[in-house]
């Protein structure tokens, strides 16, 4: 039988920077994060599709990523935690 520890804690949402600092100390074992850039891109593509007369899916999965102390410094994960906004915004 699987049991969750009474000290188990789940934190979801923003801001990631504060969570990222505590993740490196072992206070948090994992985060589940979304990709805001992909969400925006898919949203614009879907809106354009509908405006051209197409039909949008009822559910569009934009994906999630599990971040742990073991992978939080990988470039792709780092970009999810601290998006390179200067690459996208003037």
PDB file of N, CA and C in Angstrom:
ATOM      1  N   UNK A   1       0.843  -1.188   0.000  1.00  0.00           N
ATOM      2  CA  UNK A   1       0.000   0.000   0.000  1.00  0.00           C
ATOM      3  C   UNK A   1       0.880   1.240   0.000  1.00  0.00           C
ATOM      4  N   UNK A   2       0.622   2.152  -0.926  1.00  0.00           N
ATOM      5  CA  UNK A   2       1.374   3.396  -0.988  1.00  0.00           C
ATOM      6  C   UNK A   2       0.756   4.407  -0.037  1.00  0.00           C
ATOM      7  N   UNK A   3       1.612   5.075   0.695  1.00  0.00           N
ATOM      8  CA  UNK A   3       1.146   6.099   1.621  1.00  0.00           C
ATOM      9  C   UNK A   3       1.903   7.381   1.369  1.00  0.00           C
ATOM     10  N   UNK A   4       1.207   8.465   1.500  1.00  0.00           N
ATOM     11  CA  UNK A   4       1.848   9.767   1.386  1.00  0.00           C
ATOM     12  C   UNK A   4       2.210  10.215   2.786  1.00  0.00           C
ATOM     13  N   UNK A   5       3.433  10.677   2.927  1.00  0.00           N
ATOM     14  CA  UNK A   5       3.901  11.141   4.228  1.00  0.00           C
ATOM     15  C   UNK A   5       3.033  12.283   4.726  1.00  0.00           C
ATOM     16  N   UNK A   6       2.791  12.374   6.031  1.00  0.00           N
ATOM     17  CA  UNK A   6       2.008  13.506   6.547  1.00  0.00           C
ATOM     18  C   UNK A   6       2.721  14.839   6.326  1.00  0.00           C
ATOM     19  N   UNK A   7       4.027  14.797   6.014  1.00  0.00           N
ATOM     20  CA  UNK A   7       4.749  16.037   5.764  1.00  0.00           C
ATOM     21  C   UNK A   7       4.842  16.353   4.278  1.00  0.00           C
ATOM     22  N   UNK A   8       4.172  15.540   3.450  1.00  0.00           N
ATOM     23  CA  UNK A   8       4.191  15.776   1.999  1.00  0.00           C
ATOM     24  C   UNK A   8       3.604  17.137   1.698  1.00  0.00           C
ATOM     25  N   UNK A   9       4.263  17.860   0.822  1.00  0.00           N
ATOM     26  CA  UNK A   9       3.796  19.188   0.462  1.00  0.00           C
ATOM     27  C   UNK A   9       3.818  19.330  -1.048  1.00  0.00           C
ATOM     28  N   UNK A  10       2.768  19.874  -1.602  1.00  0.00           N
ATOM     29  CA  UNK A  10       2.687  20.090  -3.043  1.00  0.00           C
ATOM     30  C   UNK A  10       2.475  21.579  -3.281  1.00  0.00           C
ATOM     31  N   UNK A  11       3.373  22.191  -4.032  1.00  0.00           N
ATOM     32  CA  UNK A  11       3.243  23.605  -4.364  1.00  0.00           C
ATOM     33  C   UNK A  11       3.085  23.736  -5.861  1.00  0.00           C
ATOM     34  N   UNK A  12       2.069  24.425  -6.270  1.00  0.00           N
ATOM     35  CA  UNK A  12       1.820  24.638  -7.692  1.00  0.00           C
ATOM     36  C   UNK A  12       1.675  26.123  -7.950  1.00  0.00           C
ATOM     37  N   UNK A  13       2.096  26.551  -9.123  1.00  0.00           N
ATOM     38  CA  UNK A  13       1.870  27.929  -9.530  1.00  0.00           C
ATOM     39  C   UNK A  13       3.116  28.780  -9.507  1.00  0.00           C
ATOM     40  N   UNK A  14       2.904  30.068  -9.604  1.00  0.00           N
ATOM     41  CA  UNK A  14       3.958  31.056  -9.689  1.00  0.00           C
ATOM     42  C   UNK A  14       4.226  31.619  -8.306  1.00  0.00           C
ATOM     43  N   UNK A  15       5.318  32.259  -8.005  1.00  0.00           N
ATOM     44  CA  UNK A  15       6.462  32.477  -8.886  1.00  0.00           C
ATOM     45  C   UNK A  15       7.443  31.312  -8.802  1.00  0.00           C
ATOM     46  N   UNK A  16       8.033  30.952  -9.918  1.00  0.00           N
ATOM     47  CA  UNK A  16       8.971  29.838  -9.946  1.00  0.00           C
ATOM     48  C   UNK A  16      10.298  30.181  -9.290  1.00  0.00           C
ATOM     49  N   UNK A  17      10.712  31.432  -9.378  1.00  0.00           N
ATOM     50  CA  UNK A  17      12.042  31.777  -8.867  1.00  0.00           C
ATOM     51  C   UNK A  17      12.174  31.439  -7.389  1.00  0.00           C
ATOM     52  N   UNK A  18      11.178  31.774  -6.600  1.00  0.00           N
ATOM     53  CA  UNK A  18      11.240  31.462  -5.175  1.00  0.00           C
ATOM     54  C   UNK A  18      11.257  29.947  -4.973  1.00  0.00           C
ATOM     55  N   UNK A  19      10.416  29.233  -5.727  1.00  0.00           N
ATOM     56  CA  UNK A  19      10.371  27.783  -5.619  1.00  0.00           C
ATOM     57  C   UNK A  19      11.703  27.173  -6.066  1.00  0.00           C
ATOM     58  N   UNK A  20      12.304  27.737  -7.089  1.00  0.00           N
ATOM     59  CA  UNK A  20      13.556  27.204  -7.619  1.00  0.00           C
ATOM     60  C   UNK A  20      14.648  27.276  -6.561  1.00  0.00           C
ATOM     61  N   UNK A  21      14.709  28.375  -5.840  1.00  0.00           N
ATOM     62  CA  UNK A  21      15.740  28.502  -4.799  1.00  0.00           C
ATOM     63  C   UNK A  21      15.566  27.437  -3.732  1.00  0.00           C
ATOM     64  N   UNK A  22      14.329  27.202  -3.300  1.00  0.00           N
ATOM     65  CA  UNK A  22      14.134  26.217  -2.239  1.00  0.00           C
ATOM     66  C   UNK A  22      14.277  24.793  -2.768  1.00  0.00           C
ATOM     67  N   UNK A  23      14.036  24.579  -4.076  1.00  0.00           N
ATOM     68  CA  UNK A  23      14.183  23.233  -4.628  1.00  0.00           C
ATOM     69  C   UNK A  23      15.618  22.752  -4.491  1.00  0.00           C
ATOM     70  N   UNK A  24      16.587  23.628  -4.688  1.00  0.00           N
ATOM     71  CA  UNK A  24      17.984  23.243  -4.580  1.00  0.00           C
ATOM     72  C   UNK A  24      18.404  22.856  -3.175  1.00  0.00           C
ATOM     73  N   UNK A  25      17.625  23.235  -2.170  1.00  0.00           N
ATOM     74  CA  UNK A  25      17.967  22.909  -0.791  1.00  0.00           C
ATOM     75  C   UNK A  25      17.326  21.610  -0.328  1.00  0.00           C
ATOM     76  N   UNK A  26      16.467  21.024  -1.143  1.00  0.00           N
ATOM     77  CA  UNK A  26      15.779  19.805  -0.752  1.00  0.00           C
ATOM     78  C   UNK A  26      14.447  20.054  -0.079  1.00  0.00           C
ATOM     79  N   UNK A  27      14.045  21.323   0.077  1.00  0.00           N
ATOM     80  CA  UNK A  27      12.761  21.630   0.709  1.00  0.00           C
ATOM     81  C   UNK A  27      11.599  21.188  -0.166  1.00  0.00           C
ATOM     82  N   UNK A  28      11.806  21.198  -1.480  1.00  0.00           N
ATOM     83  CA  UNK A  28      10.787  20.758  -2.427  1.00  0.00           C
ATOM     84  C   UNK A  28      11.414  19.650  -3.258  1.00  0.00           C
ATOM     85  N   UNK A  29      10.695  18.568  -3.454  1.00  0.00           N
ATOM     86  CA  UNK A  29      11.236  17.442  -4.200  1.00  0.00           C
ATOM     87  C   UNK A  29      10.988  17.554  -5.691  1.00  0.00           C
ATOM     88  N   UNK A  30       9.908  18.214  -6.082  1.00  0.00           N
ATOM     89  CA  UNK A  30       9.612  18.344  -7.506  1.00  0.00           C
ATOM     90  C   UNK A  30       8.593  19.454  -7.727  1.00  0.00           C
ATOM     91  N   UNK A  31       8.638  20.022  -8.916  1.00  0.00           N
ATOM     92  CA  UNK A  31       7.654  20.994  -9.369  1.00  0.00           C
ATOM     93  C   UNK A  31       7.088  20.491 -10.686  1.00  0.00           C
ATOM     94  N   UNK A  32       5.843  20.785 -10.935  1.00  0.00           N
ATOM     95  CA  UNK A  32       5.240  20.501 -12.236  1.00  0.00           C
ATOM     96  C   UNK A  32       5.006  21.859 -12.877  1.00  0.00           C
ATOM     97  N   UNK A  33       5.697  22.101 -13.999  1.00  0.00           N
ATOM     98  CA  UNK A  33       5.624  23.421 -14.630  1.00  0.00           C
ATOM     99  C   UNK A  33       5.091  23.313 -16.051  1.00  0.00           C
ATOM    100  N   UNK A  34       4.513  24.413 -16.506  1.00  0.00           N
ATOM    101  CA  UNK A  34       4.025  24.512 -17.869  1.00  0.00           C
ATOM    102  C   UNK A  34       4.969  25.404 -18.661  1.00  0.00           C
ATOM    103  N   UNK A  35       4.837  25.392 -19.976  1.00  0.00           N
ATOM    104  CA  UNK A  35       5.666  26.213 -20.841  1.00  0.00           C
ATOM    105  C   UNK A  35       4.843  27.394 -21.331  1.00  0.00           C
ATOM    106  N   UNK A  36       5.015  28.573 -20.724  1.00  0.00           N
ATOM    107  CA  UNK A  36       4.184  29.716 -21.108  1.00  0.00           C
ATOM    108  C   UNK A  36       4.386  30.146 -22.551  1.00  0.00           C
ATOM    109  N   UNK A  37       5.584  29.984 -23.087  1.00  0.00           N
ATOM    110  CA  UNK A  37       5.834  30.355 -24.482  1.00  0.00           C
ATOM    111  C   UNK A  37       5.058  29.438 -25.428  1.00  0.00           C
ATOM    112  N   UNK A  38       5.078  28.143 -25.158  1.00  0.00           N
ATOM    113  CA  UNK A  38       4.324  27.194 -25.988  1.00  0.00           C
ATOM    114  C   UNK A  38       2.830  27.446 -25.858  1.00  0.00           C
ATOM    115  N   UNK A  39       2.380  27.764 -24.656  1.00  0.00           N
ATOM    116  CA  UNK A  39       0.961  28.037 -24.457  1.00  0.00           C
ATOM    117  C   UNK A  39       0.524  29.242 -25.290  1.00  0.00           C
ATOM    118  N   UNK A  40       1.342  30.286 -25.314  1.00  0.00           N
ATOM    119  CA  UNK A  40       1.021  31.465 -26.106  1.00  0.00           C
ATOM    120  C   UNK A  40       1.033  31.170 -27.593  1.00  0.00           C
ATOM    121  N   UNK A  41       2.056  30.432 -28.038  1.00  0.00           N
ATOM    122  CA  UNK A  41       2.165  30.095 -29.457  1.00  0.00           C
ATOM    123  C   UNK A  41       0.985  29.246 -29.915  1.00  0.00           C
ATOM    124  N   UNK A  42       0.641  28.238 -29.143  1.00  0.00           N
ATOM    125  CA  UNK A  42      -0.482  27.362 -29.492  1.00  0.00           C
ATOM    126  C   UNK A  42      -1.797  28.146 -29.448  1.00  0.00           C
ATOM    127  N   UNK A  43      -1.916  29.066 -28.489  1.00  0.00           N
ATOM    128  CA  UNK A  43      -3.115  29.886 -28.400  1.00  0.00           C
ATOM    129  C   UNK A  43      -3.311  30.765 -29.620  1.00  0.00           C
ATOM    130  N   UNK A  44      -2.237  31.395 -30.087  1.00  0.00           N
ATOM    131  CA  UNK A  44      -2.317  32.253 -31.272  1.00  0.00           C
ATOM    132  C   UNK A  44      -2.608  31.411 -32.518  1.00  0.00           C
ATOM    133  N   UNK A  45      -1.931  30.266 -32.640  1.00  0.00           N
ATOM    134  CA  UNK A  45      -2.188  29.393 -33.796  1.00  0.00           C
ATOM    135  C   UNK A  45      -3.630  28.913 -33.821  1.00  0.00           C
ATOM    136  N   UNK A  46      -4.172  28.586 -32.657  1.00  0.00           N
ATOM    137  CA  UNK A  46      -5.551  28.106 -32.575  1.00  0.00           C
ATOM    138  C   UNK A  46      -6.532  29.228 -32.907  1.00  0.00           C
ATOM    139  N   UNK A  47      -6.261  30.436 -32.406  1.00  0.00           N
ATOM    140  CA  UNK A  47      -7.126  31.578 -32.721  1.00  0.00           C
ATOM    141  C   UNK A  47      -7.115  31.856 -34.224  1.00  0.00           C
ATOM    142  N   UNK A  48      -5.941  31.791 -34.842  1.00  0.00           N
ATOM    143  CA  UNK A  48      -5.839  32.013 -36.286  1.00  0.00           C
ATOM    144  C   UNK A  48      -6.605  30.942 -37.055  1.00  0.00           C
ATOM    145  N   UNK A  49      -6.523  29.711 -36.603  1.00  0.00           N
ATOM    146  CA  UNK A  49      -7.259  28.614 -37.239  1.00  0.00           C
ATOM    147  C   UNK A  49      -8.758  28.883 -37.207  1.00  0.00           C
ATOM    148  N   UNK A  50      -9.264  29.290 -36.065  1.00  0.00           N
ATOM    149  CA  UNK A  50     -10.703  29.559 -35.912  1.00  0.00           C
ATOM    150  C   UNK A  50     -11.109  30.759 -36.769  1.00  0.00           C
ATOM    151  N   UNK A  51     -10.273  31.788 -36.801  1.00  0.00           N
ATOM    152  CA  UNK A  51     -10.589  32.966 -37.614  1.00  0.00           C
ATOM    153  C   UNK A  51     -10.624  32.640 -39.105  1.00  0.00           C
ATOM    154  N   UNK A  52      -9.878  31.618 -39.528  1.00  0.00           N
ATOM    155  CA  UNK A  52      -9.889  31.193 -40.935  1.00  0.00           C
ATOM    156  C   UNK A  52     -11.012  30.200 -41.212  1.00  0.00           C
ATOM    157  N   UNK A  53     -11.867  29.956 -40.207  1.00  0.00           N
ATOM    158  CA  UNK A  53     -13.001  29.067 -40.403  1.00  0.00           C
ATOM    159  C   UNK A  53     -12.780  27.645 -39.933  1.00  0.00           C
ATOM    160  N   UNK A  54     -11.639  27.370 -39.356  1.00  0.00           N
ATOM    161  CA  UNK A  54     -11.355  26.029 -38.857  1.00  0.00           C
ATOM    162  C   UNK A  54     -12.019  25.774 -37.517  1.00  0.00           C
ATOM    163  N   UNK A  55     -11.849  24.586 -37.029  1.00  0.00           N
ATOM    164  CA  UNK A  55     -12.425  24.187 -35.747  1.00  0.00           C
ATOM    165  C   UNK A  55     -11.301  23.836 -34.786  1.00  0.00           C
ATOM    166  N   UNK A  56     -11.363  24.390 -33.593  1.00  0.00           N
ATOM    167  CA  UNK A  56     -10.356  24.114 -32.571  1.00  0.00           C
ATOM    168  C   UNK A  56     -10.735  22.859 -31.799  1.00  0.00           C
ATOM    169  N   UNK A  57      -9.729  22.167 -31.348  1.00  0.00           N
ATOM    170  CA  UNK A  57      -9.964  21.014 -30.476  1.00  0.00           C
ATOM    171  C   UNK A  57     -10.589  21.490 -29.169  1.00  0.00           C
ATOM    172  N   UNK A  58     -11.421  20.642 -28.556  1.00  0.00           N
ATOM    173  CA  UNK A  58     -12.023  21.015 -27.276  1.00  0.00           C
ATOM    174  C   UNK A  58     -10.979  21.082 -26.171  1.00  0.00           C
ATOM    175  N   UNK A  59      -9.994  20.204 -26.243  1.00  0.00           N
ATOM    176  CA  UNK A  59      -8.928  20.155 -25.237  1.00  0.00           C
ATOM    177  C   UNK A  59      -7.595  20.159 -25.968  1.00  0.00           C
ATOM    178  N   UNK A  60      -6.753  21.101 -25.629  1.00  0.00           N
ATOM    179  CA  UNK A  60      -5.425  21.176 -26.224  1.00  0.00           C
ATOM    180  C   UNK A  60      -4.408  21.047 -25.098  1.00  0.00           C
ATOM    181  N   UNK A  61      -3.648  19.976 -25.125  1.00  0.00           N
ATOM    182  CA  UNK A  61      -2.631  19.732 -24.104  1.00  0.00           C
ATOM    183  C   UNK A  61      -1.363  20.467 -24.488  1.00  0.00           C
ATOM    184  N   UNK A  62      -0.994  21.464 -23.704  1.00  0.00           N
ATOM    185  CA  UNK A  62       0.218  22.227 -23.987  1.00  0.00           C
ATOM    186  C   UNK A  62       1.430  21.640 -23.276  1.00  0.00           C
ATOM    187  N   UNK A  63       1.229  20.579 -22.532  1.00  0.00           N
ATOM    188  CA  UNK A  63       2.337  19.869 -21.910  1.00  0.00           C
ATOM    189  C   UNK A  63       2.748  20.408 -20.548  1.00  0.00           C
ATOM    190  N   UNK A  64       3.372  19.552 -19.807  1.00  0.00           N
ATOM    191  CA  UNK A  64       3.950  19.899 -18.514  1.00  0.00           C
ATOM    192  C   UNK A  64       5.311  19.227 -18.404  1.00  0.00           C
ATOM    193  N   UNK A  65       6.110  19.710 -17.486  1.00  0.00           N
ATOM    194  CA  UNK A  65       7.427  19.142 -17.250  1.00  0.00           C
ATOM    195  C   UNK A  65       7.613  19.013 -15.742  1.00  0.00           C
ATOM    196  N   UNK A  66       8.148  17.891 -15.304  1.00  0.00           N
ATOM    197  CA  UNK A  66       8.459  17.702 -13.891  1.00  0.00           C
ATOM    198  C   UNK A  66       9.887  18.177 -13.667  1.00  0.00           C
ATOM    199  N   UNK A  67      10.047  19.101 -12.735  1.00  0.00           N
ATOM    200  CA  UNK A  67      11.364  19.651 -12.419  1.00  0.00           C
ATOM    201  C   UNK A  67      11.799  19.111 -11.069  1.00  0.00           C
ATOM    202  N   UNK A  68      13.003  18.570 -11.032  1.00  0.00           N
ATOM    203  CA  UNK A  68      13.582  18.064  -9.790  1.00  0.00           C
ATOM    204  C   UNK A  68      14.953  18.694  -9.602  1.00  0.00           C
ATOM    205  N   UNK A  69      15.556  18.452  -8.459  1.00  0.00           N
ATOM    206  CA  UNK A  69      16.909  18.955  -8.217  1.00  0.00           C
ATOM    207  C   UNK A  69      17.883  18.371  -9.233  1.00  0.00           C
ATOM    208  N   UNK A  70      17.594  17.190  -9.761  1.00  0.00           N
ATOM    209  CA  UNK A  70      18.489  16.541 -10.712  1.00  0.00           C
ATOM    210  C   UNK A  70      18.458  17.166 -12.099  1.00  0.00           C
ATOM    211  N   UNK A  71      17.331  17.784 -12.489  1.00  0.00           N
ATOM    212  CA  UNK A  71      17.250  18.317 -13.851  1.00  0.00           C
ATOM    213  C   UNK A  71      17.044  19.825 -13.926  1.00  0.00           C
ATOM    214  N   UNK A  72      16.967  20.502 -12.797  1.00  0.00           N
ATOM    215  CA  UNK A  72      16.608  21.915 -12.808  1.00  0.00           C
ATOM    216  C   UNK A  72      17.654  22.825 -13.459  1.00  0.00           C
ATOM    217  N   UNK A  73      18.880  22.354 -13.619  1.00  0.00           N
ATOM    218  CA  UNK A  73      19.906  23.178 -14.254  1.00  0.00           C
ATOM    219  C   UNK A  73      20.109  22.852 -15.731  1.00  0.00           C
ATOM    220  N   UNK A  74      19.328  21.909 -16.267  1.00  0.00           N
ATOM    221  CA  UNK A  74      19.390  21.631 -17.698  1.00  0.00           C
ATOM    222  C   UNK A  74      18.857  22.852 -18.444  1.00  0.00           C
ATOM    223  N   UNK A  75      19.463  23.192 -19.587  1.00  0.00           N
ATOM    224  CA  UNK A  75      19.046  24.411 -20.292  1.00  0.00           C
ATOM    225  C   UNK A  75      17.547  24.490 -20.590  1.00  0.00           C
ATOM    226  N   UNK A  76      16.940  23.408 -21.048  1.00  0.00           N
ATOM    227  CA  UNK A  76      15.507  23.442 -21.385  1.00  0.00           C
ATOM    228  C   UNK A  76      14.654  23.671 -20.143  1.00  0.00           C
ATOM    229  N   UNK A  77      15.022  23.055 -19.046  1.00  0.00           N
ATOM    230  CA  UNK A  77      14.279  23.240 -17.789  1.00  0.00           C
ATOM    231  C   UNK A  77      14.511  24.649 -17.256  1.00  0.00           C
ATOM    232  N   UNK A  78      15.746  25.106 -17.306  1.00  0.00           N
ATOM    233  CA  UNK A  78      16.067  26.455 -16.836  1.00  0.00           C
ATOM    234  C   UNK A  78      15.224  27.490 -17.577  1.00  0.00           C
ATOM    235  N   UNK A  79      15.038  27.298 -18.889  1.00  0.00           N
ATOM    236  CA  UNK A  79      14.229  28.231 -19.677  1.00  0.00           C
ATOM    237  C   UNK A  79      12.760  28.207 -19.273  1.00  0.00           C
ATOM    238  N   UNK A  80      12.284  27.086 -18.747  1.00  0.00           N
ATOM    239  CA  UNK A  80      10.904  27.038 -18.250  1.00  0.00           C
ATOM    240  C   UNK A  80      10.785  27.782 -16.929  1.00  0.00           C
ATOM    241  N   UNK A  81      11.797  27.662 -16.085  1.00  0.00           N
ATOM    242  CA  UNK A  81      11.765  28.317 -14.780  1.00  0.00           C
ATOM    243  C   UNK A  81      12.004  29.818 -14.892  1.00  0.00           C
ATOM    244  N   UNK A  82      12.859  30.207 -15.806  1.00  0.00           N
ATOM    245  CA  UNK A  82      13.173  31.615 -16.052  1.00  0.00           C
ATOM    246  C   UNK A  82      13.172  31.844 -17.563  1.00  0.00           C
ATOM    247  N   UNK A  83      12.007  32.028 -18.160  1.00  0.00           N
ATOM    248  CA  UNK A  83      11.937  32.163 -19.623  1.00  0.00           C
ATOM    249  C   UNK A  83      12.822  33.303 -20.127  1.00  0.00           C
ATOM    250  N   UNK A  84      13.511  33.081 -21.251  1.00  0.00           N
ATOM    251  CA  UNK A  84      14.363  34.122 -21.821  1.00  0.00           C
ATOM    252  C   UNK A  84      13.518  35.182 -22.537  1.00  0.00           C
ATOM    253  N   UNK A  85      12.853  36.013 -21.761  1.00  0.00           N
ATOM    254  CA  UNK A  85      11.904  36.971 -22.324  1.00  0.00           C
ATOM    255  C   UNK A  85      12.551  37.938 -23.302  1.00  0.00           C
ATOM    256  N   UNK A  86      13.824  38.241 -23.119  1.00  0.00           N
ATOM    257  CA  UNK A  86      14.488  39.170 -24.032  1.00  0.00           C
ATOM    258  C   UNK A  86      14.596  38.594 -25.445  1.00  0.00           C
ATOM    259  N   UNK A  87      14.499  37.274 -25.582  1.00  0.00           N
ATOM    260  CA  UNK A  87      14.490  36.653 -26.908  1.00  0.00           C
ATOM    261  C   UNK A  87      13.167  36.869 -27.628  1.00  0.00           C
ATOM    262  N   UNK A  88      12.106  37.154 -26.863  1.00  0.00           N
ATOM    263  CA  UNK A  88      10.772  37.226 -27.442  1.00  0.00           C
ATOM    264  C   UNK A  88      10.163  38.622 -27.406  1.00  0.00           C
ATOM    265  N   UNK A  89      10.609  39.424 -26.468  1.00  0.00           N
ATOM    266  CA  UNK A  89      10.005  40.750 -26.304  1.00  0.00           C
ATOM    267  C   UNK A  89      11.006  41.836 -26.698  1.00  0.00           C
ATOM    268  N   UNK A  90      10.523  42.934 -27.276  1.00  0.00           N
ATOM    269  CA  UNK A  90      11.451  44.026 -27.675  1.00  0.00           C
ATOM    270  C   UNK A  90      12.063  44.714 -26.477  1.00  0.00           C
TER     271      UNK A  90
END
